[in-house]
Amino acid sequence: MLTPFLDKHLIINSLIMKKVLLMLFMSMLCLGVFAEKDVTVKAGTLVPLQSVNGVETVNVKVGDKVLFEISRDVMVNEVAAIPYGTIINSKVIHS
């Protein structure tokens, strides 16, 4: 027979375990909802960019690195294939 002290702690531990298991289960559900999906952006799709480091055409030369940021989500089948804020690293190959 358990003492009241041990019995109380077993009940508390049981409640804590149930909460942990519930949070784990809910987390697993969220992973399914937010899982990444494979999408293909078709050739010719317009990708909205804005310059991050202020490029001026008169100062740019071949080999310079230029940073751009996606200025709006690029959507494919209701999935953000390229999310807003994605940084694009590029290099000038012709000027």
Foldseek 3Di string as FASTA:
>chain_A
DDDPVVVVVVVVVVVVVVVVVVVVVVVVVVCVVPPDDDDDDDPPDDFAKDWDPDDDPVPADFFDKTKIFGCAFDDDPNDRPDHGGDIDIDTHHHD
